């Protein structure tokens, strides 16, 4: 169950990062509320996961999911660069997440 919590925590990290862009400096109510709820859920689920998963592995996977997911949504929602090096770098992040998961079982 801890890995499930960690993955969902990473997805909520993506949610708060993307919603932060939409807050426009916390001047918009609903994106700001979504940011707060997503951040709280992300941290809470991370804390639950870290009861079982080692801190180094858990934190790296959580930030990796957040970084890869946020970068991907940045490309899809905000027209950010999709050049070869960026895509290759995302694949390395994903490979690192998978490697940490596989090596921790």
PDB file of N, CA and C in Angstrom:
ATOM      1  N   UNK A   1       0.817  -1.198   0.000  1.00  0.00           N
ATOM      2  CA  UNK A   1       0.000   0.000   0.000  1.00  0.00           C
ATOM      3  C   UNK A   1       0.865   1.268   0.000  1.00  0.00           C
ATOM      4  N   UNK A   2       2.060   1.167   0.572  1.00  0.00           N
ATOM      5  CA  UNK A   2       2.942   2.335   0.664  1.00  0.00           C
ATOM      6  C   UNK A   2       3.321   2.859  -0.723  1.00  0.00           C
ATOM      7  N   UNK A   3       3.573   1.955  -1.660  1.00  0.00           N
ATOM      8  CA  UNK A   3       3.926   2.405  -3.012  1.00  0.00           C
ATOM      9  C   UNK A   3       2.742   3.076  -3.696  1.00  0.00           C
ATOM     10  N   UNK A   4       1.557   2.592  -3.445  1.00  0.00           N
ATOM     11  CA  UNK A   4       0.368   3.240  -3.979  1.00  0.00           C
ATOM     12  C   UNK A   4       0.263   4.669  -3.441  1.00  0.00           C
ATOM     13  N   UNK A   5       0.443   4.818  -2.118  1.00  0.00           N
ATOM     14  CA  UNK A   5       0.410   6.155  -1.508  1.00  0.00           C
ATOM     15  C   UNK A   5       1.466   7.055  -2.133  1.00  0.00           C
ATOM     16  N   UNK A   6       2.651   6.512  -2.356  1.00  0.00           N
ATOM     17  CA  UNK A   6       3.746   7.310  -2.905  1.00  0.00           C
ATOM     18  C   UNK A   6       3.444   7.768  -4.328  1.00  0.00           C
ATOM     19  N   UNK A   7       2.899   6.885  -5.135  1.00  0.00           N
ATOM     20  CA  UNK A   7       2.570   7.260  -6.518  1.00  0.00           C
ATOM     21  C   UNK A   7       1.482   8.320  -6.540  1.00  0.00           C
ATOM     22  N   UNK A   8       0.446   8.147  -5.742  1.00  0.00           N
ATOM     23  CA  UNK A   8      -0.632   9.141  -5.692  1.00  0.00           C
ATOM     24  C   UNK A   8      -0.104  10.464  -5.137  1.00  0.00           C
ATOM     25  N   UNK A   9       0.796  10.395  -4.149  1.00  0.00           N
ATOM     26  CA  UNK A   9       1.416  11.613  -3.615  1.00  0.00           C
ATOM     27  C   UNK A   9       2.169  12.348  -4.722  1.00  0.00           C
ATOM     28  N   UNK A  10       2.877  11.592  -5.564  1.00  0.00           N
ATOM     29  CA  UNK A  10       3.587  12.199  -6.697  1.00  0.00           C
ATOM     30  C   UNK A  10       2.640  12.849  -7.684  1.00  0.00           C
ATOM     31  N   UNK A  11       1.499  12.224  -7.912  1.00  0.00           N
ATOM     32  CA  UNK A  11       0.508  12.810  -8.825  1.00  0.00           C
ATOM     33  C   UNK A  11      -0.079  14.099  -8.247  1.00  0.00           C
ATOM     34  N   UNK A  12      -0.308  14.107  -6.930  1.00  0.00           N
ATOM     35  CA  UNK A  12      -0.773  15.349  -6.303  1.00  0.00           C
ATOM     36  C   UNK A  12       0.311  16.421  -6.337  1.00  0.00           C
ATOM     37  N   UNK A  13       1.580  16.017  -6.317  1.00  0.00           N
ATOM     38  CA  UNK A  13       2.652  16.996  -6.467  1.00  0.00           C
ATOM     39  C   UNK A  13       2.572  17.659  -7.840  1.00  0.00           C
ATOM     40  N   UNK A  14       2.315  16.867  -8.855  1.00  0.00           N
ATOM     41  CA  UNK A  14       2.119  17.427 -10.194  1.00  0.00           C
ATOM     42  C   UNK A  14       0.939  18.399 -10.166  1.00  0.00           C
ATOM     43  N   UNK A  15      -0.138  17.995  -9.477  1.00  0.00           N
ATOM     44  CA  UNK A  15      -1.322  18.847  -9.391  1.00  0.00           C
ATOM     45  C   UNK A  15      -1.041  20.189  -8.752  1.00  0.00           C
ATOM     46  N   UNK A  16      -0.281  20.194  -7.645  1.00  0.00           N
ATOM     47  CA  UNK A  16      -0.044  21.489  -7.016  1.00  0.00           C
ATOM     48  C   UNK A  16       0.925  22.336  -7.821  1.00  0.00           C
ATOM     49  N   UNK A  17       1.884  21.699  -8.487  1.00  0.00           N
ATOM     50  CA  UNK A  17       2.826  22.472  -9.292  1.00  0.00           C
ATOM     51  C   UNK A  17       2.124  23.143 -10.473  1.00  0.00           C
ATOM     52  N   UNK A  18       1.268  22.397 -11.145  1.00  0.00           N
ATOM     53  CA  UNK A  18       0.559  22.964 -12.298  1.00  0.00           C
ATOM     54  C   UNK A  18      -0.464  24.000 -11.842  1.00  0.00           C
ATOM     55  N   UNK A  19      -1.172  23.710 -10.750  1.00  0.00           N
ATOM     56  CA  UNK A  19      -2.156  24.688 -10.275  1.00  0.00           C
ATOM     57  C   UNK A  19      -1.476  25.969  -9.811  1.00  0.00           C
ATOM     58  N   UNK A  20      -0.234  25.870  -9.338  1.00  0.00           N
ATOM     59  CA  UNK A  20       0.504  27.073  -8.944  1.00  0.00           C
ATOM     60  C   UNK A  20       0.659  28.029 -10.124  1.00  0.00           C
ATOM     61  N   UNK A  21       0.885  27.484 -11.295  1.00  0.00           N
ATOM     62  CA  UNK A  21       0.990  28.309 -12.508  1.00  0.00           C
ATOM     63  C   UNK A  21      -0.315  29.066 -12.751  1.00  0.00           C
ATOM     64  N   UNK A  22      -1.443  28.390 -12.522  1.00  0.00           N
ATOM     65  CA  UNK A  22      -2.751  28.998 -12.765  1.00  0.00           C
ATOM     66  C   UNK A  22      -3.191  29.981 -11.676  1.00  0.00           C
ATOM     67  N   UNK A  23      -2.521  30.002 -10.522  1.00  0.00           N
ATOM     68  CA  UNK A  23      -2.930  30.925  -9.454  1.00  0.00           C
ATOM     69  C   UNK A  23      -2.636  32.379  -9.791  1.00  0.00           C
ATOM     70  N   UNK A  24      -1.704  32.580 -10.727  1.00  0.00           N
ATOM     71  CA  UNK A  24      -1.255  33.926 -11.093  1.00  0.00           C
ATOM     72  C   UNK A  24      -0.864  34.712  -9.837  1.00  0.00           C
ATOM     73  N   UNK A  25       0.066  34.121  -9.074  1.00  0.00           N
ATOM     74  CA  UNK A  25       0.551  34.771  -7.862  1.00  0.00           C
ATOM     75  C   UNK A  25      -0.464  34.749  -6.731  1.00  0.00           C
ATOM     76  N   UNK A  26      -1.277  33.729  -6.679  1.00  0.00           N
ATOM     77  CA  UNK A  26      -2.341  33.553  -5.681  1.00  0.00           C
ATOM     78  C   UNK A  26      -3.398  34.665  -5.755  1.00  0.00           C
ATOM     79  N   UNK A  27      -3.639  35.147  -6.968  1.00  0.00           N
ATOM     80  CA  UNK A  27      -4.685  36.157  -7.165  1.00  0.00           C
ATOM     81  C   UNK A  27      -5.987  35.534  -7.664  1.00  0.00           C
ATOM     82  N   UNK A  28      -5.971  34.244  -7.969  1.00  0.00           N
ATOM     83  CA  UNK A  28      -7.173  33.547  -8.432  1.00  0.00           C
ATOM     84  C   UNK A  28      -7.567  32.511  -7.385  1.00  0.00           C
ATOM     85  N   UNK A  29      -8.812  32.571  -6.923  1.00  0.00           N
ATOM     86  CA  UNK A  29      -9.275  31.773  -5.797  1.00  0.00           C
ATOM     87  C   UNK A  29      -9.219  30.270  -6.045  1.00  0.00           C
ATOM     88  N   UNK A  30      -9.883  29.773  -7.081  1.00  0.00           N
ATOM     89  CA  UNK A  30     -10.011  28.325  -7.264  1.00  0.00           C
ATOM     90  C   UNK A  30      -8.694  27.633  -7.575  1.00  0.00           C
ATOM     91  N   UNK A  31      -7.864  28.192  -8.436  1.00  0.00           N
ATOM     92  CA  UNK A  31      -6.551  27.559  -8.603  1.00  0.00           C
ATOM     93  C   UNK A  31      -5.730  27.593  -7.307  1.00  0.00           C
ATOM     94  N   UNK A  32      -5.873  28.662  -6.530  1.00  0.00           N
ATOM     95  CA  UNK A  32      -5.156  28.744  -5.251  1.00  0.00           C
ATOM     96  C   UNK A  32      -5.666  27.691  -4.275  1.00  0.00           C
ATOM     97  N   UNK A  33      -6.964  27.480  -4.234  1.00  0.00           N
ATOM     98  CA  UNK A  33      -7.542  26.449  -3.371  1.00  0.00           C
ATOM     99  C   UNK A  33      -7.087  25.064  -3.822  1.00  0.00           C
ATOM    100  N   UNK A  34      -7.092  24.829  -5.131  1.00  0.00           N
ATOM    101  CA  UNK A  34      -6.623  23.549  -5.664  1.00  0.00           C
ATOM    102  C   UNK A  34      -5.160  23.327  -5.308  1.00  0.00           C
ATOM    103  N   UNK A  35      -4.356  24.370  -5.386  1.00  0.00           N
ATOM    104  CA  UNK A  35      -2.956  24.292  -5.001  1.00  0.00           C
ATOM    105  C   UNK A  35      -2.827  23.827  -3.547  1.00  0.00           C
ATOM    106  N   UNK A  36      -3.547  24.477  -2.646  1.00  0.00           N
ATOM    107  CA  UNK A  36      -3.450  24.141  -1.227  1.00  0.00           C
ATOM    108  C   UNK A  36      -3.888  22.721  -0.919  1.00  0.00           C
ATOM    109  N   UNK A  37      -4.994  22.316  -1.491  1.00  0.00           N
ATOM    110  CA  UNK A  37      -5.503  20.960  -1.255  1.00  0.00           C
ATOM    111  C   UNK A  37      -4.541  19.925  -1.837  1.00  0.00           C
ATOM    112  N   UNK A  38      -4.069  20.160  -3.042  1.00  0.00           N
ATOM    113  CA  UNK A  38      -3.139  19.219  -3.682  1.00  0.00           C
ATOM    114  C   UNK A  38      -1.840  19.103  -2.896  1.00  0.00           C
ATOM    115  N   UNK A  39      -1.330  20.228  -2.417  1.00  0.00           N
ATOM    116  CA  UNK A  39      -0.083  20.202  -1.667  1.00  0.00           C
ATOM    117  C   UNK A  39      -0.262  19.443  -0.345  1.00  0.00           C
ATOM    118  N   UNK A  40      -1.353  19.714   0.340  1.00  0.00           N
ATOM    119  CA  UNK A  40      -1.602  19.037   1.617  1.00  0.00           C
ATOM    120  C   UNK A  40      -1.748  17.530   1.418  1.00  0.00           C
ATOM    121  N   UNK A  41      -2.493  17.131   0.411  1.00  0.00           N
ATOM    122  CA  UNK A  41      -2.668  15.699   0.145  1.00  0.00           C
ATOM    123  C   UNK A  41      -1.361  15.037  -0.275  1.00  0.00           C
ATOM    124  N   UNK A  42      -0.571  15.739  -1.056  1.00  0.00           N
ATOM    125  CA  UNK A  42       0.710  15.206  -1.498  1.00  0.00           C
ATOM    126  C   UNK A  42       1.625  14.938  -0.308  1.00  0.00           C
ATOM    127  N   UNK A  43       1.745  15.896   0.578  1.00  0.00           N
ATOM    128  CA  UNK A  43       2.620  15.743   1.748  1.00  0.00           C
ATOM    129  C   UNK A  43       2.084  14.661   2.684  1.00  0.00           C
ATOM    130  N   UNK A  44       0.778  14.630   2.898  1.00  0.00           N
ATOM    131  CA  UNK A  44       0.177  13.643   3.790  1.00  0.00           C
ATOM    132  C   UNK A  44       0.406  12.225   3.268  1.00  0.00           C
ATOM    133  N   UNK A  45       0.167  12.026   1.966  1.00  0.00           N
ATOM    134  CA  UNK A  45       0.369  10.703   1.380  1.00  0.00           C
ATOM    135  C   UNK A  45       1.850  10.321   1.370  1.00  0.00           C
ATOM    136  N   UNK A  46       2.726  11.292   1.150  1.00  0.00           N
ATOM    137  CA  UNK A  46       4.159  11.024   1.228  1.00  0.00           C
ATOM    138  C   UNK A  46       4.526  10.558   2.636  1.00  0.00           C
ATOM    139  N   UNK A  47       3.985  11.227   3.640  1.00  0.00           N
ATOM    140  CA  UNK A  47       4.262  10.835   5.025  1.00  0.00           C
ATOM    141  C   UNK A  47       3.785   9.415   5.312  1.00  0.00           C
ATOM    142  N   UNK A  48       2.622   9.060   4.806  1.00  0.00           N
ATOM    143  CA  UNK A  48       2.131   7.692   4.985  1.00  0.00           C
ATOM    144  C   UNK A  48       3.059   6.680   4.314  1.00  0.00           C
ATOM    145  N   UNK A  49       3.486   6.995   3.110  1.00  0.00           N
ATOM    146  CA  UNK A  49       4.361   6.085   2.366  1.00  0.00           C
ATOM    147  C   UNK A  49       5.699   5.900   3.078  1.00  0.00           C
ATOM    148  N   UNK A  50       6.207   6.983   3.674  1.00  0.00           N
ATOM    149  CA  UNK A  50       7.530   6.925   4.299  1.00  0.00           C
ATOM    150  C   UNK A  50       7.544   6.172   5.621  1.00  0.00           C
ATOM    151  N   UNK A  51       6.371   5.738   6.087  1.00  0.00           N
ATOM    152  CA  UNK A  51       6.349   4.847   7.250  1.00  0.00           C
ATOM    153  C   UNK A  51       7.017   3.516   6.912  1.00  0.00           C
ATOM    154  N   UNK A  52       6.955   3.136   5.637  1.00  0.00           N
ATOM    155  CA  UNK A  52       7.466   1.843   5.185  1.00  0.00           C
ATOM    156  C   UNK A  52       8.652   1.971   4.228  1.00  0.00           C
ATOM    157  N   UNK A  53       8.572   2.917   3.317  1.00  0.00           N
ATOM    158  CA  UNK A  53       9.592   3.074   2.277  1.00  0.00           C
ATOM    159  C   UNK A  53      10.742   3.922   2.834  1.00  0.00           C
ATOM    160  N   UNK A  54      11.991   3.557   2.556  1.00  0.00           N
ATOM    161  CA  UNK A  54      13.128   4.362   3.023  1.00  0.00           C
ATOM    162  C   UNK A  54      13.036   5.809   2.504  1.00  0.00           C
ATOM    163  N   UNK A  55      13.464   6.760   3.324  1.00  0.00           N
ATOM    164  CA  UNK A  55      13.338   8.182   2.987  1.00  0.00           C
ATOM    165  C   UNK A  55      14.023   8.539   1.669  1.00  0.00           C
ATOM    166  N   UNK A  56      15.224   8.026   1.450  1.00  0.00           N
ATOM    167  CA  UNK A  56      15.939   8.354   0.214  1.00  0.00           C
ATOM    168  C   UNK A  56      15.198   7.895  -1.024  1.00  0.00           C
ATOM    169  N   UNK A  57      14.700   6.690  -0.980  1.00  0.00           N
ATOM    170  CA  UNK A  57      13.932   6.142  -2.102  1.00  0.00           C
ATOM    171  C   UNK A  57      12.610   6.871  -2.264  1.00  0.00           C
ATOM    172  N   UNK A  58      11.885   7.019  -1.171  1.00  0.00           N
ATOM    173  CA  UNK A  58      10.568   7.652  -1.233  1.00  0.00           C
ATOM    174  C   UNK A  58      10.617   9.081  -1.738  1.00  0.00           C
ATOM    175  N   UNK A  59      11.539   9.856  -1.192  1.00  0.00           N
ATOM    176  CA  UNK A  59      11.630  11.255  -1.598  1.00  0.00           C
ATOM    177  C   UNK A  59      12.061  11.378  -3.055  1.00  0.00           C
ATOM    178  N   UNK A  60      13.021  10.556  -3.464  1.00  0.00           N
ATOM    179  CA  UNK A  60      13.480  10.609  -4.854  1.00  0.00           C
ATOM    180  C   UNK A  60      12.370  10.227  -5.829  1.00  0.00           C
ATOM    181  N   UNK A  61      11.616   9.198  -5.493  1.00  0.00           N
ATOM    182  CA  UNK A  61      10.512   8.783  -6.373  1.00  0.00           C
ATOM    183  C   UNK A  61       9.435   9.862  -6.401  1.00  0.00           C
ATOM    184  N   UNK A  62       9.092  10.421  -5.246  1.00  0.00           N
ATOM    185  CA  UNK A  62       8.072  11.472  -5.166  1.00  0.00           C
ATOM    186  C   UNK A  62       8.459  12.684  -6.011  1.00  0.00           C
ATOM    187  N   UNK A  63       9.693  13.158  -5.851  1.00  0.00           N
ATOM    188  CA  UNK A  63      10.115  14.312  -6.637  1.00  0.00           C
ATOM    189  C   UNK A  63      10.269  13.959  -8.114  1.00  0.00           C
ATOM    190  N   UNK A  64      10.676  12.715  -8.394  1.00  0.00           N
ATOM    191  CA  UNK A  64      10.803  12.294  -9.792  1.00  0.00           C
ATOM    192  C   UNK A  64       9.464  12.278 -10.507  1.00  0.00           C
ATOM    193  N   UNK A  65       8.446  11.726  -9.837  1.00  0.00           N
ATOM    194  CA  UNK A  65       7.098  11.739 -10.417  1.00  0.00           C
ATOM    195  C   UNK A  65       6.651  13.181 -10.621  1.00  0.00           C
ATOM    196  N   UNK A  66       6.897  14.008  -9.623  1.00  0.00           N
ATOM    197  CA  UNK A  66       6.502  15.414  -9.727  1.00  0.00           C
ATOM    198  C   UNK A  66       7.218  16.137 -10.855  1.00  0.00           C
ATOM    199  N   UNK A  67       8.521  15.927 -10.961  1.00  0.00           N
ATOM    200  CA  UNK A  67       9.304  16.601 -11.999  1.00  0.00           C
ATOM    201  C   UNK A  67       8.913  16.131 -13.400  1.00  0.00           C
ATOM    202  N   UNK A  68       8.837  14.818 -13.583  1.00  0.00           N
ATOM    203  CA  UNK A  68       8.499  14.286 -14.905  1.00  0.00           C
ATOM    204  C   UNK A  68       7.067  14.647 -15.291  1.00  0.00           C
ATOM    205  N   UNK A  69       6.151  14.521 -14.348  1.00  0.00           N
ATOM    206  CA  UNK A  69       4.755  14.848 -14.636  1.00  0.00           C
ATOM    207  C   UNK A  69       4.548  16.320 -14.914  1.00  0.00           C
ATOM    208  N   UNK A  70       5.189  17.168 -14.127  1.00  0.00           N
ATOM    209  CA  UNK A  70       5.051  18.613 -14.327  1.00  0.00           C
ATOM    210  C   UNK A  70       5.680  19.043 -15.642  1.00  0.00           C
ATOM    211  N   UNK A  71       6.843  18.498 -15.965  1.00  0.00           N
ATOM    212  CA  UNK A  71       7.484  18.829 -17.245  1.00  0.00           C
ATOM    213  C   UNK A  71       6.621  18.383 -18.425  1.00  0.00           C
ATOM    214  N   UNK A  72       6.029  17.207 -18.310  1.00  0.00           N
ATOM    215  CA  UNK A  72       5.162  16.699 -19.380  1.00  0.00           C
ATOM    216  C   UNK A  72       3.939  17.595 -19.546  1.00  0.00           C
ATOM    217  N   UNK A  73       3.294  17.952 -18.443  1.00  0.00           N
ATOM    218  CA  UNK A  73       2.126  18.835 -18.543  1.00  0.00           C
ATOM    219  C   UNK A  73       2.527  20.239 -19.004  1.00  0.00           C
ATOM    220  N   UNK A  74       3.729  20.665 -18.659  1.00  0.00           N
ATOM    221  CA  UNK A  74       4.215  21.951 -19.167  1.00  0.00           C
ATOM    222  C   UNK A  74       4.281  21.956 -20.684  1.00  0.00           C
ATOM    223  N   UNK A  75       4.709  20.839 -21.244  1.00  0.00           N
ATOM    224  CA  UNK A  75       4.754  20.725 -22.706  1.00  0.00           C
ATOM    225  C   UNK A  75       3.348  20.699 -23.296  1.00  0.00           C
ATOM    226  N   UNK A  76       2.450  19.954 -22.653  1.00  0.00           N
ATOM    227  CA  UNK A  76       1.096  19.787 -23.192  1.00  0.00           C
ATOM    228  C   UNK A  76       0.217  21.020 -22.984  1.00  0.00           C
ATOM    229  N   UNK A  77       0.304  21.641 -21.808  1.00  0.00           N
ATOM    230  CA  UNK A  77      -0.608  22.740 -21.475  1.00  0.00           C
ATOM    231  C   UNK A  77      -0.050  24.123 -21.784  1.00  0.00           C
ATOM    232  N   UNK A  78       1.277  24.267 -21.707  1.00  0.00           N
ATOM    233  CA  UNK A  78       1.857  25.605 -21.810  1.00  0.00           C
ATOM    234  C   UNK A  78       2.801  25.773 -22.987  1.00  0.00           C
ATOM    235  N   UNK A  79       2.855  24.762 -23.852  1.00  0.00           N
ATOM    236  CA  UNK A  79       3.664  24.873 -25.064  1.00  0.00           C
ATOM    237  C   UNK A  79       5.161  24.922 -24.810  1.00  0.00           C
ATOM    238  N   UNK A  80       5.624  24.326 -23.711  1.00  0.00           N
ATOM    239  CA  UNK A  80       7.055  24.317 -23.431  1.00  0.00           C
ATOM    240  C   UNK A  80       7.777  23.417 -24.424  1.00  0.00           C
ATOM    241  N   UNK A  81       9.067  23.617 -24.523  1.00  0.00           N
ATOM    242  CA  UNK A  81       9.903  22.910 -25.490  1.00  0.00           C
ATOM    243  C   UNK A  81       9.753  21.393 -25.398  1.00  0.00           C
ATOM    244  N   UNK A  82       9.787  20.751 -26.575  1.00  0.00           N
ATOM    245  CA  UNK A  82       9.759  19.293 -26.673  1.00  0.00           C
ATOM    246  C   UNK A  82      10.990  18.792 -27.403  1.00  0.00           C
ATOM    247  N   UNK A  83      12.102  19.495 -27.238  1.00  0.00           N
ATOM    248  CA  UNK A  83      13.292  19.101 -27.992  1.00  0.00           C
ATOM    249  C   UNK A  83      13.842  17.752 -27.509  1.00  0.00           C
ATOM    250  N   UNK A  84      14.730  17.204 -28.283  1.00  0.00           N
ATOM    251  CA  UNK A  84      15.250  15.858 -28.048  1.00  0.00           C
ATOM    252  C   UNK A  84      15.892  15.731 -26.675  1.00  0.00           C
ATOM    253  N   UNK A  85      16.720  16.679 -26.273  1.00  0.00           N
ATOM    254  CA  UNK A  85      17.400  16.601 -24.982  1.00  0.00           C
ATOM    255  C   UNK A  85      16.405  16.619 -23.823  1.00  0.00           C
ATOM    256  N   UNK A  86      15.368  17.406 -23.955  1.00  0.00           N
ATOM    257  CA  UNK A  86      14.345  17.464 -22.903  1.00  0.00           C
ATOM    258  C   UNK A  86      13.628  16.122 -22.775  1.00  0.00           C
ATOM    259  N   UNK A  87      13.253  15.553 -23.897  1.00  0.00           N
ATOM    260  CA  UNK A  87      12.559  14.258 -23.885  1.00  0.00           C
ATOM    261  C   UNK A  87      13.482  13.161 -23.348  1.00  0.00           C
ATOM    262  N   UNK A  88      14.731  13.170 -23.749  1.00  0.00           N
ATOM    263  CA  UNK A  88      15.689  12.189 -23.264  1.00  0.00           C
ATOM    264  C   UNK A  88      15.894  12.333 -21.751  1.00  0.00           C
ATOM    265  N   UNK A  89      15.954  13.558 -21.292  1.00  0.00           N
ATOM    266  CA  UNK A  89      16.107  13.808 -19.853  1.00  0.00           C
ATOM    267  C   UNK A  89      14.910  13.281 -19.072  1.00  0.00           C
ATOM    268  N   UNK A  90      13.717  13.452 -19.607  1.00  0.00           N
ATOM    269  CA  UNK A  90      12.525  12.905 -18.950  1.00  0.00           C
ATOM    270  C   UNK A  90      12.587  11.380 -18.888  1.00  0.00           C
ATOM    271  N   UNK A  91      13.073  10.764 -19.942  1.00  0.00           N
ATOM    272  CA  UNK A  91      13.219   9.308 -19.933  1.00  0.00           C
ATOM    273  C   UNK A  91      14.210   8.861 -18.868  1.00  0.00           C
ATOM    274  N   UNK A  92      15.271   9.635 -18.660  1.00  0.00           N
ATOM    275  CA  UNK A  92      16.238   9.303 -17.607  1.00  0.00           C
ATOM    276  C   UNK A  92      15.597   9.420 -16.216  1.00  0.00           C
ATOM    277  N   UNK A  93      14.764  10.433 -16.019  1.00  0.00           N
ATOM    278  CA  UNK A  93      14.069  10.570 -14.731  1.00  0.00           C
ATOM    279  C   UNK A  93      13.169   9.362 -14.502  1.00  0.00           C
ATOM    280  N   UNK A  94      12.411   8.998 -15.516  1.00  0.00           N
ATOM    281  CA  UNK A  94      11.502   7.844 -15.399  1.00  0.00           C
ATOM    282  C   UNK A  94      12.297   6.564 -15.159  1.00  0.00           C
ATOM    283  N   UNK A  95      13.416   6.406 -15.853  1.00  0.00           N
ATOM    284  CA  UNK A  95      14.261   5.225 -15.638  1.00  0.00           C
ATOM    285  C   UNK A  95      14.781   5.202 -14.196  1.00  0.00           C
ATOM    286  N   UNK A  96      15.121   6.351 -13.661  1.00  0.00           N
ATOM    287  CA  UNK A  96      15.576   6.427 -12.280  1.00  0.00           C
ATOM    288  C   UNK A  96      14.494   6.033 -11.295  1.00  0.00           C
ATOM    289  N   UNK A  97      13.258   6.484 -11.553  1.00  0.00           N
ATOM    290  CA  UNK A  97      12.138   6.115 -10.689  1.00  0.00           C
ATOM    291  C   UNK A  97      11.927   4.599 -10.710  1.00  0.00           C
ATOM    292  N   UNK A  98      11.921   4.037 -11.904  1.00  0.00           N
ATOM    293  CA  UNK A  98      11.737   2.586 -12.037  1.00  0.00           C
ATOM    294  C   UNK A  98      12.884   1.851 -11.359  1.00  0.00           C
ATOM    295  N   UNK A  99      14.099   2.325 -11.549  1.00  0.00           N
ATOM    296  CA  UNK A  99      15.251   1.692 -10.925  1.00  0.00           C
ATOM    297  C   UNK A  99      15.176   1.714  -9.405  1.00  0.00           C
ATOM    298  N   UNK A 100      14.743   2.821  -8.835  1.00  0.00           N
ATOM    299  CA  UNK A 100      14.593   2.893  -7.382  1.00  0.00           C
ATOM    300  C   UNK A 100      13.522   1.935  -6.888  1.00  0.00           C
ATOM    301  N   UNK A 101      12.439   1.838  -7.623  1.00  0.00           N
ATOM    302  CA  UNK A 101      11.360   0.916  -7.231  1.00  0.00           C
ATOM    303  C   UNK A 101      11.851  -0.527  -7.283  1.00  0.00           C
ATOM    304  N   UNK A 102      12.485  -0.893  -8.362  1.00  0.00           N
ATOM    305  CA  UNK A 102      12.945  -2.268  -8.549  1.00  0.00           C
ATOM    306  C   UNK A 102      14.003  -2.636  -7.497  1.00  0.00           C
ATOM    307  N   UNK A 103      14.895  -1.716  -7.207  1.00  0.00           N
ATOM    308  CA  UNK A 103      15.985  -2.024  -6.275  1.00  0.00           C
ATOM    309  C   UNK A 103      15.533  -2.021  -4.827  1.00  0.00           C
ATOM    310  N   UNK A 104      14.339  -1.520  -4.539  1.00  0.00           N
ATOM    311  CA  UNK A 104      13.881  -1.445  -3.149  1.00  0.00           C
ATOM    312  C   UNK A 104      12.999  -2.617  -2.746  1.00  0.00           C
ATOM    313  N   UNK A 105      12.718  -3.525  -3.689  1.00  0.00           N
ATOM    314  CA  UNK A 105      11.854  -4.663  -3.347  1.00  0.00           C
ATOM    315  C   UNK A 105      12.641  -5.842  -2.839  1.00  0.00           C
TER     316      UNK A 105
END
